Amino acid sequence: MQRDHATVLPLPRLAVGHVSLDPSHLELAAGPVELSVSSDVYERVATCNEFVLSCLRSGRPVYGATTGFGPLVIFDGRNEASDQCDNVLSHLSAGQGPDIPTAVVRAAMMVRLWSLCQGHSGVSQAVVSSLTAALRTTLTPAVPRLGSLGASGDLVPLSYVAQALRGRGHAYVDGERMPAEIALRRAGLSPLVLSGRDALALVNGTSLTAAAAGLAVASLNRSLRGSVMLSALLTDLLGSVPSFLAPPLLDAFGHSGAVKVAGALRSRLKGTVPVDSRALQEPYSIRCTPQLVGAAASAVRYAEGVVRDDLNGVSDNPLFFPEQDLVAHGGNFFGQPVAFASDLLSLTAVQLGNLAERQLDLLIDPHRNGGLPPMLAVTPGRDHAVQGVQLAATAIVADMRRSATPASIQSLPTNWHNQDVIPFGTQAALAALDQAHSLRLLHGSLAVALRQAAHVGVRLPTAPACIDLLDSLMAEIPPIEPDRPLDAEVRRAADVLDAAAAKAEIL
């Protein structure tokens, strides 16, 4: 049957090697994406590859190509390059645990492609072509979560990526898990044939760590804006006096993040009409939002800079510089920068989650919510409205707190003490992404409660920006009367907030 090409939407497109990779770009890889590689980038890759091959022909020692791996570097490697490639991938295919979400794996493939195309890794052009072709489809290698230390790159998880591109192991196509050989055929792809040091270059970098941290940054950027929007709507619905946002007050505080958040809150609350019945000073979950969210914004900005450096750096070992006739053996694969940054992202997400949960608690408490009914129920006792939502939110916060133990300091010597200090950046980055997803659910929970507060209260928001957000929530979330399951609606509210935050010109 002939396809109607007029109905096919163009793929998102990025020029590899000519655009600085940004955390927001990584979300494009969740679906098929066109990553164009220009002839000059291919030439750069080919020049480096030829330099590596010339080194090997001359008998020059090159880690992982002429030697064993890790502490076994003191021994010779396999004689044939293809055999050496098989060997590195085979012994690393030892991961455990559930599969990493496909969007994260595909983002890691994008990051790895960006790194290899800088022309310091010595891969063949076939590797570049294979990654770009795979990302143009829905094919995603099945990669277990546990295995990487983030200390010699993401060796174990990236070995599953390389194996799947060869037709070994398992992969997903259109969300269905199957043997990789079948997945390649279904996606219309040919198995990758490795040569030279292709295999080690594919696995010997921190691309999964950088990808997970980058996705966490992208999500938290939206959540920061969402936190401002929800806090403003809460303030408006309660009729609070926004004197806690006075510019001289925040200027005296001296922290730029708090000043920016206060400015964003003032903008969102422009036109609000306060009530006379609120106390002189609001609870901290309202009054201290500029200071809390401002600190969170500053933390995310710092982490984003670290992650962006990693996304656009080269984290292999060794690196090759043909113009200097240099083979540089070192430790760029040691993922400490992103490990620290990821732990900071986790802590930031948890504190934003604490704020959202306390704001939800404020809304359901008739002693503090300006006379709204308990649990925001139309008929308390007969109905329970957001009571279950709050219970789940409390569980989410507890889970976030338990999971916030820093990974970046959990060093354990391993690998015959070759890797005697470890950053565990991959675990830190995946944890940060988990925290970002949990924060979305807390914000969705608060959004459902705010929508219900407008239904049971006598006051509607008066600031135009707050009215717009409430209208968007009301369009998707019906009033809770009578009780009904709200699990899906919490997730839907999170989506509504994400969409609104993506369009909001704040922070």
Protein backbone atom coordinates (compact mmCIF):
# COMPACT_ATOMS: atom_id res chain seq x y z
CA MET A 1 0.00 0.00 0.00
CA GLN A 2 1.41 3.41 -0.94
CA ARG A 3 1.95 5.84 1.92
CA ASP A 4 0.45 9.30 1.72
CA HIS A 5 3.62 11.36 2.26
CA ALA A 6 1.60 14.53 2.74
CA THR A 7 0.47 13.24 6.13
CA VAL A 8 3.96 12.37 7.42
CA LEU A 9 5.34 14.99 9.78
CA PRO A 10 9.03 15.92 9.32
CA LEU A 11 11.40 14.58 11.96
CA PRO A 12 13.05 16.98 14.41
CA ARG A 13 16.45 17.82 12.95
CA LEU A 14 19.82 18.72 14.48
CA ALA A 15 23.19 19.20 12.81
CA VAL A 16 25.74 17.05 14.60
CA GLY A 17 29.03 18.78 15.24
CA HIS A 18 27.70 22.22 14.33
CA VAL A 19 25.25 22.80 17.20
CA SER A 20 26.08 22.85 20.89
CA LEU A 21 24.13 20.03 22.50
CA ASP A 22 21.68 21.31 25.10
CA PRO A 23 19.70 19.35 27.73
CA SER A 24 16.46 20.29 25.98
CA HIS A 25 17.72 18.67 22.76
CA LEU A 26 17.89 15.30 24.47
CA GLU A 27 14.11 15.06 24.75
CA LEU A 28 13.91 15.03 20.94
CA ALA A 29 15.53 11.59 20.97
CA ALA A 30 12.50 10.01 22.67
CA GLY A 31 11.09 9.53 19.16
CA PRO A 32 12.69 9.34 15.72
CA VAL A 33 15.02 12.27 15.13
CA GLU A 34 17.07 13.34 12.11
CA LEU A 35 20.67 13.96 13.14
CA SER A 36 22.47 15.20 10.06
CA VAL A 37 26.22 14.66 9.86
CA SER A 38 27.96 16.91 7.37
CA SER A 39 30.80 15.85 5.10
CA ASP A 40 33.36 17.84 7.09
CA VAL A 41 32.37 16.01 10.29
CA TYR A 42 32.66 12.65 8.52
CA GLU A 43 36.07 13.75 7.23
CA ARG A 44 37.16 14.67 10.75
CA VAL A 45 36.05 11.24 12.00
CA ALA A 46 37.81 9.50 9.10
CA THR A 47 41.06 11.40 9.68
CA CYS A 48 41.15 10.35 13.33
CA ASN A 49 40.26 6.77 12.46
CA GLU A 50 43.09 6.58 9.94
CA PHE A 51 45.49 7.99 12.53
CA VAL A 52 44.47 5.23 14.97
CA LEU A 53 44.91 2.55 12.31
CA SER A 54 48.34 3.92 11.41
CA CYS A 55 49.34 3.78 15.07
CA LEU A 56 48.26 0.15 15.23
CA ARG A 57 50.10 -0.71 12.02
CA SER A 58 53.29 0.83 13.40
CA GLY A 59 53.07 -1.19 16.62
CA ARG A 60 52.40 1.85 18.78
CA PRO A 61 50.71 0.82 22.06
CA VAL A 62 47.09 1.93 22.27
CA TYR A 63 45.03 1.03 25.31
CA GLY A 64 42.17 -1.33 24.54
CA ALA A 65 43.30 -1.89 20.97
CA THR A 66 46.65 -3.60 21.53
CA THR A 67 46.20 -4.38 25.22
CA GLY A 68 43.77 -5.99 27.62
CA PHE A 69 41.20 -3.88 29.41
CA GLY A 70 41.35 -2.24 32.82
CA PRO A 71 44.06 -3.71 35.07
CA LEU A 72 44.69 -6.34 32.39
CA VAL A 73 46.34 -3.60 30.34
CA ILE A 74 49.64 -5.25 31.29
CA PHE A 75 48.73 -8.15 29.00
CA ASP A 76 48.41 -8.22 25.23
CA GLY A 77 44.95 -8.04 23.70
CA ARG A 78 43.52 -10.19 20.91
CA ASN A 79 45.44 -10.32 17.63
CA GLU A 80 42.50 -9.48 15.37
CA ALA A 81 40.68 -6.17 15.69
CA SER A 82 37.26 -7.76 15.21
CA ASP A 83 38.09 -10.34 17.89
CA GLN A 84 39.19 -7.53 20.24
CA CYS A 85 35.89 -5.72 19.63
CA ASP A 86 33.93 -8.89 20.44
CA ASN A 87 35.98 -9.36 23.56
CA VAL A 88 35.35 -5.92 25.09
CA LEU A 89 31.60 -6.14 24.53
CA SER A 90 31.22 -9.74 25.62
CA HIS A 91 32.83 -9.37 29.02
CA LEU A 92 30.92 -6.14 29.74
CA SER A 93 27.50 -7.59 28.95
CA ALA A 94 26.86 -8.33 32.61
CA GLY A 95 24.24 -5.74 33.60
CA GLN A 96 21.31 -6.46 35.87
CA GLY A 97 17.99 -4.95 36.85
CA PRO A 98 15.06 -3.57 34.86
CA ASP A 99 15.57 -1.96 31.49
CA ILE A 100 16.34 1.75 31.48
CA PRO A 101 13.45 3.73 29.88
CA THR A 102 13.82 3.93 26.12
CA ALA A 103 13.82 7.75 26.09
CA VAL A 104 16.91 7.73 28.33
CA VAL A 105 18.73 5.13 26.23
CA ARG A 106 18.04 7.02 23.02
CA ALA A 107 19.24 10.26 24.62
CA ALA A 108 22.45 8.44 25.57
CA MET A 109 22.87 7.35 21.95
CA MET A 110 22.52 10.97 20.86
CA VAL A 111 25.15 12.08 23.38
CA ARG A 112 27.52 9.30 22.30
CA LEU A 113 27.11 10.31 18.66
CA TRP A 114 27.91 13.93 19.50
CA SER A 115 31.06 12.92 21.31
CA LEU A 116 32.33 10.54 18.63
CA CYS A 117 31.76 13.15 15.91
CA GLN A 118 34.27 15.50 17.53
CA GLY A 119 36.96 13.38 15.93
CA HIS A 120 39.08 12.40 18.93
CA SER A 121 37.78 8.86 19.52
CA GLY A 122 39.12 7.08 16.45
CA VAL A 123 35.91 5.31 15.42
CA SER A 124 35.06 4.30 11.89
CA GLN A 125 32.47 6.20 9.89
CA ALA A 126 30.27 3.10 10.13
CA VAL A 127 29.68 3.75 13.85
CA VAL A 128 28.50 7.29 13.17
CA SER A 129 26.22 6.11 10.37
CA SER A 130 24.78 3.32 12.53
CA LEU A 131 23.88 5.65 15.40
CA THR A 132 22.28 8.25 13.13
CA ALA A 133 20.31 5.57 11.27
CA ALA A 134 19.04 3.99 14.49
CA LEU A 135 17.95 7.33 15.94
CA ARG A 136 16.01 7.99 12.76
CA THR A 137 13.81 5.02 13.70
CA THR A 138 12.18 3.88 16.95
CA LEU A 139 14.82 1.20 17.58
CA THR A 140 16.13 1.34 21.15
CA PRO A 141 18.60 -1.13 22.68
CA ALA A 142 17.39 -2.88 25.84
CA VAL A 143 19.81 -1.71 28.53
CA PRO A 144 19.73 -2.93 32.17
CA ARG A 145 19.85 -0.22 34.83
CA LEU A 146 22.60 -1.61 37.06
CA GLY A 147 26.18 -2.04 35.98
CA SER A 148 27.83 1.33 35.41
CA LEU A 149 30.15 2.96 37.91
CA GLY A 150 30.57 6.10 35.84
CA ALA A 151 34.29 5.74 36.45
CA SER A 152 35.60 4.35 33.16
CA GLY A 153 32.66 5.66 31.25
CA ASP A 154 29.33 3.87 31.22
CA LEU A 155 30.96 0.63 30.17
CA VAL A 156 28.28 -1.95 30.97
CA PRO A 157 25.15 -0.11 29.76
CA LEU A 158 26.80 1.22 26.61
CA SER A 159 27.98 -2.30 25.76
CA TYR A 160 24.30 -3.24 25.42
CA VAL A 161 23.82 -0.34 23.02
CA ALA A 162 26.75 -1.50 20.89
CA GLN A 163 25.62 -5.12 20.96
CA ALA A 164 22.07 -4.26 19.90
CA LEU A 165 23.37 -2.23 16.95
CA ARG A 166 25.20 -5.41 15.92
CA GLY A 167 22.00 -7.47 16.22
CA ARG A 168 22.87 -9.08 19.55
CA GLY A 169 20.92 -8.95 22.80
CA HIS A 170 17.50 -7.30 22.79
CA ALA A 171 15.97 -4.06 21.58
CA TYR A 172 12.67 -2.24 21.35
CA VAL A 173 10.90 -1.21 18.16
CA ASP A 174 7.74 0.87 18.53
CA GLY A 175 7.78 0.00 22.22
CA GLU A 176 7.90 -3.78 21.72
CA ARG A 177 10.85 -5.73 23.17
CA MET A 178 12.36 -8.41 20.94
CA PRO A 179 15.69 -9.99 19.97
CA ALA A 180 17.94 -7.29 18.53
CA GLU A 181 18.45 -9.17 15.27
CA ILE A 182 14.69 -9.09 14.62
CA ALA A 183 14.47 -5.48 15.83
CA LEU A 184 17.07 -4.34 13.30
CA ARG A 185 15.19 -6.00 10.45
CA ARG A 186 11.87 -4.55 11.57
CA ALA A 187 13.42 -1.07 11.77
CA GLY A 188 15.01 -1.49 8.33
CA LEU A 189 18.56 -1.33 9.67
CA SER A 190 21.69 -3.32 8.93
CA PRO A 191 23.86 -4.82 11.69
CA LEU A 192 26.89 -2.70 12.61
CA VAL A 193 30.26 -4.28 11.78
CA LEU A 194 32.95 -3.11 14.19
CA SER A 195 36.62 -2.60 13.42
CA GLY A 196 39.70 -0.96 14.95
CA ARG A 197 38.82 0.41 18.38
CA ASP A 198 35.13 0.95 17.54
CA ALA A 199 33.85 -1.18 20.41
CA LEU A 200 35.85 0.52 23.15
CA ALA A 201 35.03 3.99 21.79
CA LEU A 202 31.33 3.16 21.91
CA VAL A 203 31.41 2.23 25.59
CA ASN A 204 34.28 4.22 27.08
CA GLY A 205 32.47 7.50 27.76
CA THR A 206 29.95 8.94 30.22
CA SER A 207 27.14 9.34 27.69
CA LEU A 208 24.42 7.61 29.72
CA THR A 209 25.33 9.66 32.79
CA ALA A 210 25.25 12.92 30.83
CA ALA A 211 22.01 11.97 29.07
CA ALA A 212 20.13 11.11 32.28
CA ALA A 213 21.37 14.25 34.00
CA GLY A 214 20.49 16.35 30.97
CA LEU A 215 16.96 14.95 30.88
CA ALA A 216 16.65 15.69 34.61
CA VAL A 217 17.72 19.28 33.98
CA ALA A 218 15.18 19.69 31.18
CA SER A 219 12.39 18.36 33.39
CA LEU A 220 13.40 20.42 36.43
CA ASN A 221 13.54 23.59 34.36
CA ARG A 222 9.85 23.11 33.61
CA SER A 223 9.13 22.18 37.22
CA LEU A 224 10.78 25.37 38.45
CA ARG A 225 8.43 27.41 36.30
CA GLY A 226 5.56 25.15 37.36
CA SER A 227 6.40 25.75 41.02
CA VAL A 228 6.17 29.50 40.48
CA MET A 229 2.87 29.16 38.64
CA LEU A 230 1.32 26.90 41.28
CA SER A 231 2.57 29.08 44.12
CA ALA A 232 1.05 32.16 42.48
CA LEU A 233 -2.27 30.40 41.94
CA LEU A 234 -2.32 29.25 45.57
CA THR A 235 -1.56 32.78 46.76
CA ASP A 236 -4.33 34.22 44.57
CA LEU A 237 -6.94 31.59 45.50
CA LEU A 238 -6.35 32.22 49.21
CA GLY A 239 -6.40 35.98 48.74
CA SER A 240 -2.98 36.43 50.34
CA VAL A 241 -1.40 39.88 50.39
CA PRO A 242 1.76 39.61 48.20
CA SER A 243 3.81 41.96 50.39
CA PHE A 244 6.39 39.17 50.81
CA LEU A 245 7.37 39.87 47.20
CA ALA A 246 8.31 43.52 47.73
CA PRO A 247 11.36 44.33 45.55
CA PRO A 248 13.31 46.14 48.31
CA LEU A 249 12.85 43.12 50.57
CA LEU A 250 14.26 40.69 48.02
CA ASP A 251 17.01 43.05 46.91
CA ALA A 252 18.16 43.24 50.52
CA PHE A 253 18.31 39.41 50.62
CA GLY A 254 21.03 39.61 47.98
CA HIS A 255 20.44 36.32 46.15
CA SER A 256 19.77 36.71 42.43
CA GLY A 257 17.70 33.52 42.22
CA ALA A 258 15.28 34.76 44.87
CA VAL A 259 15.06 38.15 43.16
CA LYS A 260 14.16 36.51 39.84
CA VAL A 261 11.57 34.19 41.37
CA ALA A 262 9.98 37.06 43.28
CA GLY A 263 9.78 39.02 40.04
CA ALA A 264 8.15 36.06 38.31
CA LEU A 265 5.64 35.71 41.15
CA ARG A 266 4.82 39.42 41.03
CA SER A 267 4.23 39.11 37.30
CA ARG A 268 1.94 36.12 37.77
CA LEU A 269 0.04 37.91 40.56
CA LYS A 270 -0.38 41.20 38.73
CA GLY A 271 -4.04 42.19 39.16
CA THR A 272 -4.71 40.04 42.21
CA VAL A 273 -7.19 41.39 44.77
CA PRO A 274 -6.23 40.23 48.29
CA VAL A 275 -8.71 39.66 51.12
CA ASP A 276 -8.64 41.23 54.58
CA SER A 277 -9.03 37.99 56.51
CA ARG A 278 -5.55 36.54 55.96
CA ALA A 279 -2.94 36.86 58.70
CA LEU A 280 -0.23 39.50 58.54
CA GLN A 281 2.33 36.80 57.73
CA GLU A 282 1.58 33.73 55.64
CA PRO A 283 3.03 30.26 56.36
CA TYR A 284 6.48 29.67 54.92
CA SER A 285 5.01 27.56 52.10
CA ILE A 286 3.73 30.86 50.68
CA ARG A 287 5.89 33.56 52.25
CA CYS A 288 9.26 31.91 51.60
CA THR A 289 8.65 30.69 48.05
CA PRO A 290 11.03 33.28 46.52
CA GLN A 291 13.84 32.17 48.80
CA LEU A 292 13.20 28.42 48.37
CA VAL A 293 12.42 28.31 44.65
CA GLY A 294 15.10 30.92 43.98
CA ALA A 295 17.72 28.73 45.62
CA ALA A 296 16.44 25.76 43.62
CA ALA A 297 16.68 27.76 40.39
CA SER A 298 20.26 28.76 41.18
CA ALA A 299 21.17 25.14 41.90
CA VAL A 300 19.65 23.90 38.65
CA ARG A 301 21.45 26.65 36.70
CA TYR A 302 24.77 25.53 38.15
CA ALA A 303 24.07 21.87 37.43
CA GLU A 304 22.91 22.70 33.93
CA GLY A 305 26.24 24.34 33.17
CA VAL A 306 28.14 21.27 34.34
CA VAL A 307 25.91 18.94 32.35
CA ARG A 308 26.19 21.08 29.22
CA ASP A 309 29.98 20.91 29.44
CA ASP A 310 29.74 17.12 29.64
CA LEU A 311 27.31 16.87 26.74
CA ASN A 312 29.73 18.75 24.51
CA GLY A 313 32.96 17.28 25.83
CA VAL A 314 34.80 14.09 24.96
CA SER A 315 34.99 11.51 27.74
CA ASP A 316 36.86 8.63 26.07
CA ASN A 317 40.20 7.06 26.89
CA PRO A 318 42.53 7.33 25.14
CA LEU A 319 41.96 10.37 22.93
CA PHE A 320 43.65 10.94 19.60
CA PHE A 321 44.99 14.19 18.17
CA PRO A 322 46.29 13.45 14.66
CA GLU A 323 47.53 16.99 14.05
CA GLN A 324 49.85 16.64 17.05
CA ASP A 325 50.69 12.96 16.49
CA LEU A 326 49.39 12.45 20.02
CA VAL A 327 47.73 9.46 21.68
CA ALA A 328 46.67 10.78 25.10
CA HIS A 329 45.89 8.25 27.82
CA GLY A 330 44.07 9.74 30.81
CA GLY A 331 40.89 9.90 32.83
CA ASN A 332 38.27 11.96 30.98
CA PHE A 333 35.86 9.07 31.50
CA PHE A 334 35.77 9.76 35.25
CA GLY A 335 32.28 11.19 35.67
CA GLN A 336 32.76 13.16 38.90
CA PRO A 337 31.50 16.55 37.63
CA VAL A 338 28.08 15.25 36.60
CA ALA A 339 27.94 13.00 39.69
CA PHE A 340 28.15 16.04 41.97
CA ALA A 341 25.74 18.01 39.77
CA SER A 342 23.24 15.15 39.70
CA ASP A 343 23.21 14.80 43.46
CA LEU A 344 22.55 18.53 43.67
CA LEU A 345 19.63 18.10 41.25
CA SER A 346 18.21 15.35 43.46
CA LEU A 347 18.38 17.49 46.59
CA THR A 348 16.80 20.39 44.71
CA ALA A 349 13.94 18.24 43.44
CA VAL A 350 13.25 16.91 46.93
CA GLN A 351 13.01 20.37 48.47
CA LEU A 352 10.70 21.54 45.68
CA GLY A 353 8.67 18.40 46.42
CA ASN A 354 8.58 19.29 50.11
CA LEU A 355 7.20 22.69 49.18
CA ALA A 356 4.50 21.26 46.91
CA GLU A 357 3.39 18.72 49.52
CA ARG A 358 3.16 21.40 52.22
CA GLN A 359 1.21 23.68 49.89
CA LEU A 360 -1.20 20.81 49.28
CA ASP A 361 -1.52 20.28 53.04
CA LEU A 362 -2.25 23.98 53.51
CA LEU A 363 -5.09 23.77 50.98
CA ILE A 364 -6.91 20.88 52.67
CA ASP A 365 -6.66 22.19 56.24
CA PRO A 366 -9.81 24.19 57.16
CA HIS A 367 -7.89 25.98 59.93
CA ARG A 368 -5.46 27.54 57.45
CA ASN A 369 -7.15 27.54 54.03
CA GLY A 370 -9.43 30.50 54.45
CA GLY A 371 -12.57 28.57 55.27
CA LEU A 372 -12.46 25.97 52.51
CA PRO A 373 -13.96 22.58 53.51
CA PRO A 374 -11.63 19.87 54.84
CA MET A 375 -10.04 17.82 52.09
CA LEU A 376 -11.79 20.22 49.67
CA ALA A 377 -14.78 17.87 49.75
CA VAL A 378 -18.17 19.21 48.66
CA THR A 379 -19.82 17.16 51.43
CA PRO A 380 -17.12 16.12 53.92
CA GLY A 381 -17.66 12.57 55.14
CA ARG A 382 -19.84 11.63 52.21
CA ASP A 383 -17.06 12.75 49.89
CA HIS A 384 -13.31 12.85 50.46
CA ALA A 385 -12.12 14.78 47.37
CA VAL A 386 -8.31 14.99 47.45
CA GLN A 387 -7.74 12.93 50.60
CA GLY A 388 -6.31 10.01 48.64
CA VAL A 389 -4.25 12.38 46.52
CA GLN A 390 -2.62 13.78 49.65
CA LEU A 391 -1.90 10.30 50.99
CA ALA A 392 -0.14 9.41 47.73
CA ALA A 393 1.73 12.73 47.76
CA THR A 394 3.02 11.97 51.27
CA ALA A 395 4.25 8.58 50.06
CA ILE A 396 5.96 10.20 47.06
CA VAL A 397 7.76 12.71 49.27
CA ALA A 398 8.93 9.97 51.62
CA ASP A 399 10.22 7.96 48.67
CA MET A 400 12.05 11.00 47.31
CA ARG A 401 13.70 11.66 50.66
CA ARG A 402 14.83 8.05 51.03
CA SER A 403 16.30 8.11 47.53
CA ALA A 404 18.20 11.38 47.98
CA THR A 405 21.32 9.86 49.57
CA PRO A 406 24.23 11.22 47.50
CA ALA A 407 25.70 8.68 45.10
CA SER A 408 28.76 10.77 44.26
CA ILE A 409 30.52 9.93 47.55
CA GLN A 410 29.79 6.18 47.64
CA SER A 411 33.24 5.24 46.36
CA LEU A 412 34.11 1.55 46.41
CA PRO A 413 37.40 0.22 45.03
CA THR A 414 36.95 -2.40 42.33
CA ASN A 415 38.47 -3.83 39.16
CA TRP A 416 41.55 -5.27 40.87
CA HIS A 417 41.98 -1.82 42.46
CA ASN A 418 42.52 -0.27 39.03
CA GLN A 419 39.36 1.70 39.72
CA ASP A 420 40.26 2.54 43.31
CA VAL A 421 38.05 5.63 43.54
CA ILE A 422 34.59 5.76 41.96
CA PRO A 423 32.13 8.66 41.36
CA PHE A 424 28.98 6.58 40.66
CA GLY A 425 27.80 9.33 38.34
CA THR A 426 25.39 7.08 36.45
CA GLN A 427 23.49 6.16 39.59
CA ALA A 428 23.44 9.82 40.64
CA ALA A 429 22.10 10.92 37.25
CA LEU A 430 19.43 8.22 37.01
CA ALA A 431 18.36 9.04 40.57
CA ALA A 432 18.09 12.74 39.68
CA LEU A 433 15.87 11.85 36.74
CA ASP A 434 13.70 9.69 39.00
CA GLN A 435 13.38 12.61 41.41
CA ALA A 436 12.39 14.94 38.59
CA HIS A 437 9.63 12.52 37.55
CA SER A 438 8.38 12.29 41.15
CA LEU A 439 8.33 16.07 41.45
CA ARG A 440 6.07 16.23 38.40
CA LEU A 441 3.59 13.96 40.19
CA LEU A 442 3.64 16.16 43.28
CA HIS A 443 2.98 19.22 41.15
CA GLY A 444 0.16 17.35 39.41
CA SER A 445 -1.30 16.51 42.82
CA LEU A 446 -1.16 20.14 43.92
CA ALA A 447 -2.67 21.26 40.62
CA VAL A 448 -5.66 18.90 41.09
CA ALA A 449 -6.17 20.30 44.59
CA LEU A 450 -6.01 23.90 43.38
CA ARG A 451 -8.55 23.12 40.69
CA GLN A 452 -10.83 21.57 43.35
CA ALA A 453 -10.32 24.54 45.68
CA ALA A 454 -11.72 26.81 42.99
CA HIS A 455 -14.77 24.52 42.78
CA VAL A 456 -15.61 24.42 46.50
CA GLY A 457 -14.52 27.92 47.47
CA VAL A 458 -16.23 31.26 47.22
CA ARG A 459 -13.18 32.90 45.68
CA LEU A 460 -11.73 32.49 42.20
CA PRO A 461 -8.32 33.82 41.19
CA THR A 462 -8.24 37.49 40.24
CA ALA A 463 -4.85 37.77 38.52
CA PRO A 464 -5.15 37.14 34.75
CA ALA A 465 -2.13 34.80 34.64
CA CYS A 466 -3.58 32.71 37.47
CA ILE A 467 -6.99 32.67 35.79
CA ASP A 468 -5.40 31.34 32.61
CA LEU A 469 -3.69 28.48 34.46
CA LEU A 470 -6.87 27.56 36.31
CA ASP A 471 -8.82 27.60 33.04
CA SER A 472 -6.31 25.16 31.53
CA LEU A 473 -6.68 22.84 34.51
CA MET A 474 -10.47 23.08 34.49
CA ALA A 475 -10.52 22.13 30.80
CA GLU A 476 -8.85 18.80 31.65
CA ILE A 477 -9.85 18.06 35.26
CA PRO A 478 -13.58 17.98 36.15
CA PRO A 479 -14.70 18.94 39.66
CA ILE A 480 -14.48 16.12 42.19
CA GLU A 481 -18.18 15.62 42.95
CA PRO A 482 -18.69 12.81 43.83
CA ASP A 483 -15.42 10.96 44.58
CA ARG A 484 -13.71 9.12 41.73
CA PRO A 485 -10.27 7.65 40.97
CA LEU A 486 -7.77 10.50 40.48
CA ASP A 487 -4.52 8.71 39.66
CA ALA A 488 -4.69 9.39 35.92
CA GLU A 489 -5.92 12.93 36.51
CA VAL A 490 -2.88 13.76 38.64
CA ARG A 491 -0.69 12.73 35.71
CA ARG A 492 -2.88 14.70 33.30
CA ALA A 493 -2.63 17.78 35.50
CA ALA A 494 1.17 17.38 35.48
CA ASP A 495 1.05 17.36 31.68
CA VAL A 496 -1.11 20.49 31.65
CA LEU A 497 1.36 22.22 33.95
CA ASP A 498 4.31 21.13 31.81
CA ALA A 499 2.65 22.53 28.71
CA ALA A 500 1.90 25.82 30.46
CA ALA A 501 5.42 26.03 31.90
CA ALA A 502 6.97 25.41 28.47
CA LYS A 503 5.15 28.48 27.15
CA ALA A 504 5.66 30.69 30.19
CA GLU A 505 8.35 33.33 29.79
CA ILE A 506 9.56 33.22 33.38
CA LEU A 507 12.90 32.30 34.97
